[in-house]
């Protein structure tokens, strides 16, 4: 069973677009949450995940903060 992938993003974030392309390229299902529009998600991102930048990706219980395709690749491929 694959782990749930969630991408925390915001508009005008080039690294977020590249992260989406990476996930799409590998045909990985993921949920997208726009933290610019969702106050609860923004609070969760900063307080629970201790992340202050996008993209932030959760893979199951693991968190990849910021733009780090190498780390993401280790967790999903």
PDB file of N, CA and C in Angstrom:
ATOM      1  N   UNK A   1       0.845  -1.193   0.000  1.00  0.00           N
ATOM      2  CA  UNK A   1       0.000   0.000   0.000  1.00  0.00           C
ATOM      3  C   UNK A   1       0.884   1.248   0.000  1.00  0.00           C
ATOM      4  N   UNK A   2       0.528   2.210  -0.830  1.00  0.00           N
ATOM      5  CA  UNK A   2       1.319   3.433  -0.898  1.00  0.00           C
ATOM      6  C   UNK A   2       0.892   4.382   0.211  1.00  0.00           C
ATOM      7  N   UNK A   3       1.814   5.191   0.643  1.00  0.00           N
ATOM      8  CA  UNK A   3       1.546   6.162   1.699  1.00  0.00           C
ATOM      9  C   UNK A   3       0.865   7.376   1.103  1.00  0.00           C
ATOM     10  N   UNK A   4       0.017   8.015   1.906  1.00  0.00           N
ATOM     11  CA  UNK A   4      -0.685   9.208   1.454  1.00  0.00           C
ATOM     12  C   UNK A   4       0.309  10.351   1.278  1.00  0.00           C
ATOM     13  N   UNK A   5       0.216  11.034   0.124  1.00  0.00           N
ATOM     14  CA  UNK A   5       1.088  12.168  -0.188  1.00  0.00           C
ATOM     15  C   UNK A   5       0.239  13.437  -0.205  1.00  0.00           C
ATOM     16  N   UNK A   6       0.690  14.441   0.533  1.00  0.00           N
ATOM     17  CA  UNK A   6       0.018  15.737   0.540  1.00  0.00           C
ATOM     18  C   UNK A   6       1.042  16.810   0.216  1.00  0.00           C
ATOM     19  N   UNK A   7       0.684  17.662  -0.745  1.00  0.00           N
ATOM     20  CA  UNK A   7       1.550  18.766  -1.158  1.00  0.00           C
ATOM     21  C   UNK A   7       0.938  20.072  -0.672  1.00  0.00           C
ATOM     22  N   UNK A   8       1.663  20.762   0.200  1.00  0.00           N
ATOM     23  CA  UNK A   8       1.256  22.093   0.670  1.00  0.00           C
ATOM     24  C   UNK A   8       1.930  23.104  -0.243  1.00  0.00           C
ATOM     25  N   UNK A   9       1.113  23.953  -0.857  1.00  0.00           N
ATOM     26  CA  UNK A   9       1.594  24.835  -1.909  1.00  0.00           C
ATOM     27  C   UNK A   9       0.955  26.207  -1.789  1.00  0.00           C
ATOM     28  N   UNK A  10       1.357  27.103  -2.685  1.00  0.00           N
ATOM     29  CA  UNK A  10       0.721  28.416  -2.809  1.00  0.00           C
ATOM     30  C   UNK A  10       0.965  28.927  -4.227  1.00  0.00           C
ATOM     31  N   UNK A  11       0.149  29.873  -4.670  1.00  0.00           N
ATOM     32  CA  UNK A  11       0.323  30.402  -6.026  1.00  0.00           C
ATOM     33  C   UNK A  11       1.695  31.072  -6.192  1.00  0.00           C
ATOM     34  N   UNK A  12       2.130  31.161  -7.426  1.00  0.00           N
ATOM     35  CA  UNK A  12       3.400  31.829  -7.755  1.00  0.00           C
ATOM     36  C   UNK A  12       4.584  31.226  -7.001  1.00  0.00           C
ATOM     37  N   UNK A  13       4.616  29.903  -6.934  1.00  0.00           N
ATOM     38  CA  UNK A  13       5.696  29.185  -6.260  1.00  0.00           C
ATOM     39  C   UNK A  13       6.321  28.226  -7.285  1.00  0.00           C
ATOM     40  N   UNK A  14       7.368  28.683  -8.003  1.00  0.00           N
ATOM     41  CA  UNK A  14       7.982  27.819  -9.025  1.00  0.00           C
ATOM     42  C   UNK A  14       8.434  26.451  -8.496  1.00  0.00           C
ATOM     43  N   UNK A  15       9.044  26.364  -7.306  1.00  0.00           N
ATOM     44  CA  UNK A  15       9.423  25.036  -6.811  1.00  0.00           C
ATOM     45  C   UNK A  15       8.205  24.128  -6.569  1.00  0.00           C
ATOM     46  N   UNK A  16       7.073  24.736  -6.241  1.00  0.00           N
ATOM     47  CA  UNK A  16       5.840  23.942  -6.054  1.00  0.00           C
ATOM     48  C   UNK A  16       5.424  23.314  -7.383  1.00  0.00           C
ATOM     49  N   UNK A  17       5.527  24.083  -8.464  1.00  0.00           N
ATOM     50  CA  UNK A  17       5.172  23.567  -9.789  1.00  0.00           C
ATOM     51  C   UNK A  17       6.083  22.417 -10.183  1.00  0.00           C
ATOM     52  N   UNK A  18       7.367  22.543  -9.897  1.00  0.00           N
ATOM     53  CA  UNK A  18       8.313  21.473 -10.232  1.00  0.00           C
ATOM     54  C   UNK A  18       8.002  20.223  -9.407  1.00  0.00           C
ATOM     55  N   UNK A  19       7.657  20.416  -8.152  1.00  0.00           N
ATOM     56  CA  UNK A  19       7.303  19.277  -7.296  1.00  0.00           C
ATOM     57  C   UNK A  19       6.064  18.574  -7.839  1.00  0.00           C
ATOM     58  N   UNK A  20       5.068  19.344  -8.280  1.00  0.00           N
ATOM     59  CA  UNK A  20       3.860  18.747  -8.877  1.00  0.00           C
ATOM     60  C   UNK A  20       4.220  17.962 -10.143  1.00  0.00           C
ATOM     61  N   UNK A  21       5.087  18.533 -10.974  1.00  0.00           N
ATOM     62  CA  UNK A  21       5.503  17.842 -12.198  1.00  0.00           C
ATOM     63  C   UNK A  21       6.200  16.529 -11.864  1.00  0.00           C
ATOM     64  N   UNK A  22       7.025  16.539 -10.827  1.00  0.00           N
ATOM     65  CA  UNK A  22       7.717  15.327 -10.374  1.00  0.00           C
ATOM     66  C   UNK A  22       6.698  14.259  -9.967  1.00  0.00           C
ATOM     67  N   UNK A  23       5.727  14.640  -9.146  1.00  0.00           N
ATOM     68  CA  UNK A  23       4.710  13.682  -8.686  1.00  0.00           C
ATOM     69  C   UNK A  23       3.867  13.174  -9.848  1.00  0.00           C
ATOM     70  N   UNK A  24       3.485  14.080 -10.752  1.00  0.00           N
ATOM     71  CA  UNK A  24       2.701  13.689 -11.936  1.00  0.00           C
ATOM     72  C   UNK A  24       3.504  12.758 -12.840  1.00  0.00           C
ATOM     73  N   UNK A  25       4.763  13.072 -13.055  1.00  0.00           N
ATOM     74  CA  UNK A  25       5.632  12.267 -13.918  1.00  0.00           C
ATOM     75  C   UNK A  25       5.709  10.818 -13.423  1.00  0.00           C
ATOM     76  N   UNK A  26       5.753  10.661 -12.114  1.00  0.00           N
ATOM     77  CA  UNK A  26       5.844   9.318 -11.529  1.00  0.00           C
ATOM     78  C   UNK A  26       4.471   8.713 -11.251  1.00  0.00           C
ATOM     79  N   UNK A  27       3.418   9.416 -11.741  1.00  0.00           N
ATOM     80  CA  UNK A  27       2.044   8.942 -11.611  1.00  0.00           C
ATOM     81  C   UNK A  27       1.673   8.614 -10.161  1.00  0.00           C
ATOM     82  N   UNK A  28       2.083   9.483  -9.266  1.00  0.00           N
ATOM     83  CA  UNK A  28       1.795   9.309  -7.847  1.00  0.00           C
ATOM     84  C   UNK A  28       0.551  10.120  -7.473  1.00  0.00           C
ATOM     85  N   UNK A  29      -0.406   9.492  -6.826  1.00  0.00           N
ATOM     86  CA  UNK A  29      -1.589  10.246  -6.386  1.00  0.00           C
ATOM     87  C   UNK A  29      -1.225  11.124  -5.189  1.00  0.00           C
ATOM     88  N   UNK A  30      -1.731  12.344  -5.172  1.00  0.00           N
ATOM     89  CA  UNK A  30      -1.436  13.258  -4.079  1.00  0.00           C
ATOM     90  C   UNK A  30      -2.548  14.272  -3.925  1.00  0.00           C
ATOM     91  N   UNK A  31      -2.643  14.820  -2.736  1.00  0.00           N
ATOM     92  CA  UNK A  31      -3.609  15.869  -2.442  1.00  0.00           C
ATOM     93  C   UNK A  31      -2.868  17.200  -2.442  1.00  0.00           C
ATOM     94  N   UNK A  32      -3.490  18.230  -2.980  1.00  0.00           N
ATOM     95  CA  UNK A  32      -2.890  19.564  -3.005  1.00  0.00           C
ATOM     96  C   UNK A  32      -3.666  20.463  -2.042  1.00  0.00           C
ATOM     97  N   UNK A  33      -2.934  21.125  -1.166  1.00  0.00           N
ATOM     98  CA  UNK A  33      -3.552  22.078  -0.246  1.00  0.00           C
ATOM     99  C   UNK A  33      -2.865  23.423  -0.426  1.00  0.00           C
ATOM    100  N   UNK A  34      -3.670  24.419  -0.796  1.00  0.00           N
ATOM    101  CA  UNK A  34      -3.163  25.787  -1.014  1.00  0.00           C
ATOM    102  C   UNK A  34      -3.216  26.533   0.319  1.00  0.00           C
ATOM    103  N   UNK A  35      -2.061  26.744   0.923  1.00  0.00           N
ATOM    104  CA  UNK A  35      -2.018  27.386   2.240  1.00  0.00           C
ATOM    105  C   UNK A  35      -2.315  28.883   2.186  1.00  0.00           C
ATOM    106  N   UNK A  36      -2.335  29.454   1.000  1.00  0.00           N
ATOM    107  CA  UNK A  36      -2.678  30.878   0.894  1.00  0.00           C
ATOM    108  C   UNK A  36      -4.180  31.080   1.055  1.00  0.00           C
ATOM    109  N   UNK A  37      -4.963  30.024   0.800  1.00  0.00           N
ATOM    110  CA  UNK A  37      -6.423  30.128   0.874  1.00  0.00           C
ATOM    111  C   UNK A  37      -7.009  29.420   2.091  1.00  0.00           C
ATOM    112  N   UNK A  38      -6.238  28.558   2.727  1.00  0.00           N
ATOM    113  CA  UNK A  38      -6.750  27.722   3.807  1.00  0.00           C
ATOM    114  C   UNK A  38      -6.007  28.041   5.108  1.00  0.00           C
ATOM    115  N   UNK A  39      -6.635  28.835   5.965  1.00  0.00           N
ATOM    116  CA  UNK A  39      -6.001  29.269   7.217  1.00  0.00           C
ATOM    117  C   UNK A  39      -5.687  28.079   8.122  1.00  0.00           C
ATOM    118  N   UNK A  40      -6.595  27.119   8.211  1.00  0.00           N
ATOM    119  CA  UNK A  40      -6.353  25.937   9.047  1.00  0.00           C
ATOM    120  C   UNK A  40      -5.135  25.166   8.563  1.00  0.00           C
ATOM    121  N   UNK A  41      -5.017  25.030   7.248  1.00  0.00           N
ATOM    122  CA  UNK A  41      -3.865  24.314   6.675  1.00  0.00           C
ATOM    123  C   UNK A  41      -2.574  25.074   6.940  1.00  0.00           C
ATOM    124  N   UNK A  42      -2.630  26.393   6.857  1.00  0.00           N
ATOM    125  CA  UNK A  42      -1.441  27.206   7.111  1.00  0.00           C
ATOM    126  C   UNK A  42      -0.998  27.050   8.574  1.00  0.00           C
ATOM    127  N   UNK A  43      -1.961  27.025   9.486  1.00  0.00           N
ATOM    128  CA  UNK A  43      -1.653  26.823  10.900  1.00  0.00           C
ATOM    129  C   UNK A  43      -1.066  25.433  11.114  1.00  0.00           C
ATOM    130  N   UNK A  44      -1.646  24.423  10.484  1.00  0.00           N
ATOM    131  CA  UNK A  44      -1.130  23.052  10.590  1.00  0.00           C
ATOM    132  C   UNK A  44       0.306  22.979  10.059  1.00  0.00           C
ATOM    133  N   UNK A  45       0.533  23.621   8.922  1.00  0.00           N
ATOM    134  CA  UNK A  45       1.856  23.622   8.294  1.00  0.00           C
ATOM    135  C   UNK A  45       2.911  24.192   9.248  1.00  0.00           C
ATOM    136  N   UNK A  46       2.613  25.331   9.841  1.00  0.00           N
ATOM    137  CA  UNK A  46       3.608  25.998  10.678  1.00  0.00           C
ATOM    138  C   UNK A  46       3.711  25.393  12.075  1.00  0.00           C
ATOM    139  N   UNK A  47       2.582  25.036  12.675  1.00  0.00           N
ATOM    140  CA  UNK A  47       2.623  24.563  14.055  1.00  0.00           C
ATOM    141  C   UNK A  47       2.865  23.057  14.158  1.00  0.00           C
ATOM    142  N   UNK A  48       2.142  22.261  13.417  1.00  0.00           N
ATOM    143  CA  UNK A  48       2.278  20.807  13.530  1.00  0.00           C
ATOM    144  C   UNK A  48       3.474  20.274  12.749  1.00  0.00           C
ATOM    145  N   UNK A  49       3.658  20.784  11.520  1.00  0.00           N
ATOM    146  CA  UNK A  49       4.752  20.287  10.683  1.00  0.00           C
ATOM    147  C   UNK A  49       6.043  21.074  10.876  1.00  0.00           C
ATOM    148  N   UNK A  50       5.961  22.201  11.573  1.00  0.00           N
ATOM    149  CA  UNK A  50       7.134  23.055  11.811  1.00  0.00           C
ATOM    150  C   UNK A  50       7.808  23.473  10.499  1.00  0.00           C
ATOM    151  N   UNK A  51       6.984  23.791   9.509  1.00  0.00           N
ATOM    152  CA  UNK A  51       7.503  24.210   8.213  1.00  0.00           C
ATOM    153  C   UNK A  51       6.983  25.602   7.903  1.00  0.00           C
ATOM    154  N   UNK A  52       7.865  26.427   7.351  1.00  0.00           N
ATOM    155  CA  UNK A  52       7.492  27.815   7.060  1.00  0.00           C
ATOM    156  C   UNK A  52       7.692  28.150   5.595  1.00  0.00           C
ATOM    157  N   UNK A  53       7.748  27.110   4.754  1.00  0.00           N
ATOM    158  CA  UNK A  53       7.934  27.372   3.324  1.00  0.00           C
ATOM    159  C   UNK A  53       7.168  26.348   2.502  1.00  0.00           C
ATOM    160  N   UNK A  54       6.935  26.728   1.269  1.00  0.00           N
ATOM    161  CA  UNK A  54       6.349  25.791   0.311  1.00  0.00           C
ATOM    162  C   UNK A  54       7.366  25.585  -0.795  1.00  0.00           C
ATOM    163  N   UNK A  55       7.366  24.429  -1.411  1.00  0.00           N
ATOM    164  CA  UNK A  55       6.490  23.307  -1.107  1.00  0.00           C
ATOM    165  C   UNK A  55       6.918  22.578   0.166  1.00  0.00           C
ATOM    166  N   UNK A  56       5.931  22.056   0.857  1.00  0.00           N
ATOM    167  CA  UNK A  56       6.170  21.085   1.909  1.00  0.00           C
ATOM    168  C   UNK A  56       5.334  19.874   1.523  1.00  0.00           C
ATOM    169  N   UNK A  57       5.941  18.703   1.599  1.00  0.00           N
ATOM    170  CA  UNK A  57       5.246  17.477   1.194  1.00  0.00           C
ATOM    171  C   UNK A  57       5.265  16.502   2.364  1.00  0.00           C
ATOM    172  N   UNK A  58       4.095  15.934   2.663  1.00  0.00           N
ATOM    173  CA  UNK A  58       4.058  14.860   3.640  1.00  0.00           C
ATOM    174  C   UNK A  58       3.852  13.551   2.890  1.00  0.00           C
ATOM    175  N   UNK A  59       4.623  12.554   3.306  1.00  0.00           N
ATOM    176  CA  UNK A  59       4.508  11.201   2.747  1.00  0.00           C
ATOM    177  C   UNK A  59       4.306  10.297   3.951  1.00  0.00           C
ATOM    178  N   UNK A  60       3.046   9.915   4.183  1.00  0.00           N
ATOM    179  CA  UNK A  60       2.747   9.211   5.414  1.00  0.00           C
ATOM    180  C   UNK A  60       3.081  10.125   6.579  1.00  0.00           C
ATOM    181  N   UNK A  61       3.945   9.664   7.477  1.00  0.00           N
ATOM    182  CA  UNK A  61       4.348  10.455   8.652  1.00  0.00           C
ATOM    183  C   UNK A  61       5.586  11.312   8.394  1.00  0.00           C
ATOM    184  N   UNK A  62       6.234  11.130   7.254  1.00  0.00           N
ATOM    185  CA  UNK A  62       7.473  11.863   6.941  1.00  0.00           C
ATOM    186  C   UNK A  62       7.138  13.223   6.340  1.00  0.00           C
ATOM    187  N   UNK A  63       8.003  14.196   6.583  1.00  0.00           N
ATOM    188  CA  UNK A  63       7.801  15.556   6.078  1.00  0.00           C
ATOM    189  C   UNK A  63       9.041  15.999   5.310  1.00  0.00           C
ATOM    190  N   UNK A  64       8.820  16.482   4.083  1.00  0.00           N
ATOM    191  CA  UNK A  64       9.901  17.066   3.287  1.00  0.00           C
ATOM    192  C   UNK A  64       9.617  18.562   3.227  1.00  0.00           C
ATOM    193  N   UNK A  65      10.454  19.344   3.911  1.00  0.00           N
ATOM    194  CA  UNK A  65      10.260  20.794   3.988  1.00  0.00           C
ATOM    195  C   UNK A  65      11.049  21.481   2.894  1.00  0.00           C
ATOM    196  N   UNK A  66      10.379  22.385   2.188  1.00  0.00           N
ATOM    197  CA  UNK A  66      11.051  23.120   1.128  1.00  0.00           C
ATOM    198  C   UNK A  66      11.252  22.245  -0.105  1.00  0.00           C
ATOM    199  N   UNK A  67      11.979  22.785  -1.048  1.00  0.00           N
ATOM    200  CA  UNK A  67      12.182  22.111  -2.331  1.00  0.00           C
ATOM    201  C   UNK A  67      13.347  21.128  -2.203  1.00  0.00           C
ATOM    202  N   UNK A  68      13.023  19.824  -2.173  1.00  0.00           N
ATOM    203  CA  UNK A  68      14.056  18.804  -2.024  1.00  0.00           C
ATOM    204  C   UNK A  68      13.608  17.532  -2.742  1.00  0.00           C
ATOM    205  N   UNK A  69      13.800  17.509  -4.069  1.00  0.00           N
ATOM    206  CA  UNK A  69      13.350  16.360  -4.856  1.00  0.00           C
ATOM    207  C   UNK A  69      14.117  15.090  -4.496  1.00  0.00           C
ATOM    208  N   UNK A  70      15.375  15.205  -4.101  1.00  0.00           N
ATOM    209  CA  UNK A  70      16.149  14.012  -3.757  1.00  0.00           C
ATOM    210  C   UNK A  70      15.546  13.320  -2.538  1.00  0.00           C
ATOM    211  N   UNK A  71      15.200  14.068  -1.540  1.00  0.00           N
ATOM    212  CA  UNK A  71      14.585  13.510  -0.327  1.00  0.00           C
ATOM    213  C   UNK A  71      13.207  12.925  -0.660  1.00  0.00           C
ATOM    214  N   UNK A  72      12.432  13.652  -1.465  1.00  0.00           N
ATOM    215  CA  UNK A  72      11.112  13.192  -1.866  1.00  0.00           C
ATOM    216  C   UNK A  72      11.218  11.880  -2.645  1.00  0.00           C
ATOM    217  N   UNK A  73      12.185  11.812  -3.536  1.00  0.00           N
ATOM    218  CA  UNK A  73      12.403  10.615  -4.335  1.00  0.00           C
ATOM    219  C   UNK A  73      12.666   9.404  -3.452  1.00  0.00           C
ATOM    220  N   UNK A  74      13.462   9.569  -2.403  1.00  0.00           N
ATOM    221  CA  UNK A  74      13.759   8.467  -1.475  1.00  0.00           C
ATOM    222  C   UNK A  74      12.497   7.931  -0.817  1.00  0.00           C
ATOM    223  N   UNK A  75      11.558   8.823  -0.549  1.00  0.00           N
ATOM    224  CA  UNK A  75      10.351   8.427   0.179  1.00  0.00           C
ATOM    225  C   UNK A  75       9.263   7.820  -0.703  1.00  0.00           C
ATOM    226  N   UNK A  76       9.241   8.188  -1.980  1.00  0.00           N
ATOM    227  CA  UNK A  76       8.104   7.761  -2.823  1.00  0.00           C
ATOM    228  C   UNK A  76       8.447   6.764  -3.916  1.00  0.00           C
ATOM    229  N   UNK A  77       9.735   6.620  -4.274  1.00  0.00           N
ATOM    230  CA  UNK A  77      10.085   5.722  -5.372  1.00  0.00           C
ATOM    231  C   UNK A  77      10.766   4.460  -4.874  1.00  0.00           C
TER     232      UNK A  77
END
